[in-house]
Amino acid sequence: MTRDEVIERYKGGISIGDGIAGEEWLLDEEKTTGSSLHLLGYDANLYSMPDLSRRPTKYQEHIKGEVLKYLKDWKGKVYLDGQLVKG
């Protein structure tokens, strides 16, 4: 898949949770390539969230699991806030 195809396919990002407790993991188009997805975390109001690495380990594992479920068919690397979670 080309970089442009990856951007087109994942430009909507990934939503986790509902309402004010929800999170959006949006594509970082500058860093995304044809073989790696780079996603950045935002809250329900689209304000930047603290880096995933600064949150509790149990929470990090939950978020990684939810994102990877959504990306189960993706064959490349996945980065959340710069942290490699699949690769």
C-alpha atoms as a PDB file:
ATOM      1  CA  MET A   1       0.000   0.000   0.000  1.00  0.00           C
ATOM      2  CA  THR A   2       1.325   3.447  -0.857  1.00  0.00           C
ATOM      3  CA  ARG A   3       1.574   6.268   1.666  1.00  0.00           C
ATOM      4  CA  ASP A   4      -1.344   8.070   0.001  1.00  0.00           C
ATOM      5  CA  GLU A   5      -3.497   4.932   0.158  1.00  0.00           C
ATOM      6  CA  VAL A   6      -2.690   4.497   3.856  1.00  0.00           C
ATOM      7  CA  ILE A   7      -3.595   8.117   4.580  1.00  0.00           C
ATOM      8  CA  GLU A   8      -6.858   7.817   2.655  1.00  0.00           C
ATOM      9  CA  ARG A   9      -7.815   4.570   4.400  1.00  0.00           C
ATOM     10  CA  TYR A  10      -7.021   5.691   7.976  1.00  0.00           C
ATOM     11  CA  LYS A  11      -7.594   9.466   7.766  1.00  0.00           C
ATOM     12  CA  GLY A  12     -10.632   9.198  10.051  1.00  0.00           C
ATOM     13  CA  GLY A  13      -8.546   7.758  12.875  1.00  0.00           C
ATOM     14  CA  ILE A  14      -9.815   5.438  15.595  1.00  0.00           C
ATOM     15  CA  SER A  15     -12.417   6.245  18.249  1.00  0.00           C
ATOM     16  CA  ILE A  16     -12.255   4.539  21.635  1.00  0.00           C
ATOM     17  CA  GLY A  17     -14.985   4.937  24.249  1.00  0.00           C
ATOM     18  CA  ASP A  18     -18.048   7.165  24.223  1.00  0.00           C
ATOM     19  CA  GLY A  19     -18.981  10.683  25.182  1.00  0.00           C
ATOM     20  CA  ILE A  20     -16.693  12.804  27.311  1.00  0.00           C
ATOM     21  CA  ALA A  21     -14.633   9.742  28.281  1.00  0.00           C
ATOM     22  CA  GLY A  22     -13.914   8.956  24.634  1.00  0.00           C
ATOM     23  CA  GLU A  23     -10.577   9.247  22.882  1.00  0.00           C
ATOM     24  CA  GLU A  24      -9.644   9.831  19.277  1.00  0.00           C
ATOM     25  CA  TRP A  25      -6.461   8.402  17.808  1.00  0.00           C
ATOM     26  CA  LEU A  26      -5.839  10.480  14.709  1.00  0.00           C
ATOM     27  CA  LEU A  27      -3.373   9.921  11.917  1.00  0.00           C
ATOM     28  CA  ASP A  28      -0.110  11.853  12.009  1.00  0.00           C
ATOM     29  CA  GLU A  29       0.187  12.313   8.252  1.00  0.00           C
ATOM     30  CA  GLU A  30       3.717  13.741   8.424  1.00  0.00           C
ATOM     31  CA  LYS A  31       5.168  10.575   9.953  1.00  0.00           C
ATOM     32  CA  THR A  32       2.897   7.925   8.408  1.00  0.00           C
ATOM     33  CA  THR A  33       4.386   5.873   5.573  1.00  0.00           C
ATOM     34  CA  GLY A  34       3.193   3.013   3.409  1.00  0.00           C
ATOM     35  CA  SER A  35       4.300   0.541   6.078  1.00  0.00           C
ATOM     36  CA  SER A  36       3.836   2.415   9.364  1.00  0.00           C
ATOM     37  CA  LEU A  37       0.876   4.150  10.977  1.00  0.00           C
ATOM     38  CA  HIS A  38       1.549   6.972  13.405  1.00  0.00           C
ATOM     39  CA  LEU A  39      -1.419   7.946  15.568  1.00  0.00           C
ATOM     40  CA  LEU A  40      -1.738  10.765  18.115  1.00  0.00           C
ATOM     41  CA  GLY A  41      -4.174  10.760  21.047  1.00  0.00           C
ATOM     42  CA  TYR A  42      -6.855  13.403  21.539  1.00  0.00           C
ATOM     43  CA  ASP A  43      -9.730  13.674  24.001  1.00  0.00           C
ATOM     44  CA  ALA A  44     -13.394  13.948  23.024  1.00  0.00           C
ATOM     45  CA  ASN A  45     -12.956  17.715  22.473  1.00  0.00           C
ATOM     46  CA  LEU A  46      -9.932  17.092  20.236  1.00  0.00           C
ATOM     47  CA  TYR A  47      -7.440  18.475  22.729  1.00  0.00           C
ATOM     48  CA  SER A  48      -4.100  16.672  22.804  1.00  0.00           C
ATOM     49  CA  MET A  49      -3.938  13.936  25.440  1.00  0.00           C
ATOM     50  CA  PRO A  50      -0.816  13.347  27.563  1.00  0.00           C
ATOM     51  CA  ASP A  51       1.580  10.952  25.851  1.00  0.00           C
ATOM     52  CA  LEU A  52       0.458   7.365  26.201  1.00  0.00           C
ATOM     53  CA  SER A  53       3.773   6.465  27.869  1.00  0.00           C
ATOM     54  CA  ARG A  54       2.918   8.814  30.793  1.00  0.00           C
ATOM     55  CA  ARG A  55      -0.357   7.085  31.614  1.00  0.00           C
ATOM     56  CA  PRO A  56      -0.744   4.053  33.918  1.00  0.00           C
ATOM     57  CA  THR A  57       0.507   0.756  32.471  1.00  0.00           C
ATOM     58  CA  LYS A  58      -2.898  -0.937  32.729  1.00  0.00           C
ATOM     59  CA  TYR A  59      -4.473   1.933  30.794  1.00  0.00           C
ATOM     60  CA  GLN A  60      -1.725   1.798  28.149  1.00  0.00           C
ATOM     61  CA  GLU A  61      -2.390  -1.905  27.624  1.00  0.00           C
ATOM     62  CA  HIS A  62      -6.143  -1.254  27.280  1.00  0.00           C
ATOM     63  CA  ILE A  63      -5.616   1.438  24.636  1.00  0.00           C
ATOM     64  CA  LYS A  64      -3.075  -0.652  22.721  1.00  0.00           C
ATOM     65  CA  GLY A  65      -5.461  -3.604  22.707  1.00  0.00           C
ATOM     66  CA  GLU A  66      -8.392  -1.525  21.443  1.00  0.00           C
ATOM     67  CA  VAL A  67      -6.333   0.101  18.680  1.00  0.00           C
ATOM     68  CA  LEU A  68      -4.829  -3.205  17.586  1.00  0.00           C
ATOM     69  CA  LYS A  69      -8.294  -4.815  17.442  1.00  0.00           C
ATOM     70  CA  TYR A  70      -9.333  -2.099  15.024  1.00  0.00           C
ATOM     71  CA  LEU A  71      -6.121  -2.566  12.997  1.00  0.00           C
ATOM     72  CA  LYS A  72      -6.111  -6.381  12.989  1.00  0.00           C
ATOM     73  CA  ASP A  73      -5.709  -6.481   9.184  1.00  0.00           C
ATOM     74  CA  TRP A  74      -2.879  -3.922   9.119  1.00  0.00           C
ATOM     75  CA  LYS A  75       0.459  -5.627   8.349  1.00  0.00           C
ATOM     76  CA  GLY A  76       2.821  -2.753   9.123  1.00  0.00           C
ATOM     77  CA  LYS A  77       4.088  -1.000  12.236  1.00  0.00           C
ATOM     78  CA  VAL A  78       1.807   0.991  14.541  1.00  0.00           C
ATOM     79  CA  TYR A  79       2.953   3.884  16.713  1.00  0.00           C
ATOM     80  CA  LEU A  80       0.807   5.549  19.372  1.00  0.00           C
ATOM     81  CA  ASP A  81       2.215   8.909  20.479  1.00  0.00           C
ATOM     82  CA  GLY A  82       5.566   7.811  19.046  1.00  0.00           C
ATOM     83  CA  GLN A  83       5.605   4.534  20.986  1.00  0.00           C
ATOM     84  CA  LEU A  84       5.883   1.363  18.858  1.00  0.00           C
ATOM     85  CA  VAL A  85       2.980  -0.944  19.749  1.00  0.00           C
ATOM     86  CA  LYS A  86       3.059  -3.305  16.766  1.00  0.00           C
ATOM     87  CA  GLY A  87       5.901  -4.062  14.510  1.00  0.00           C
END
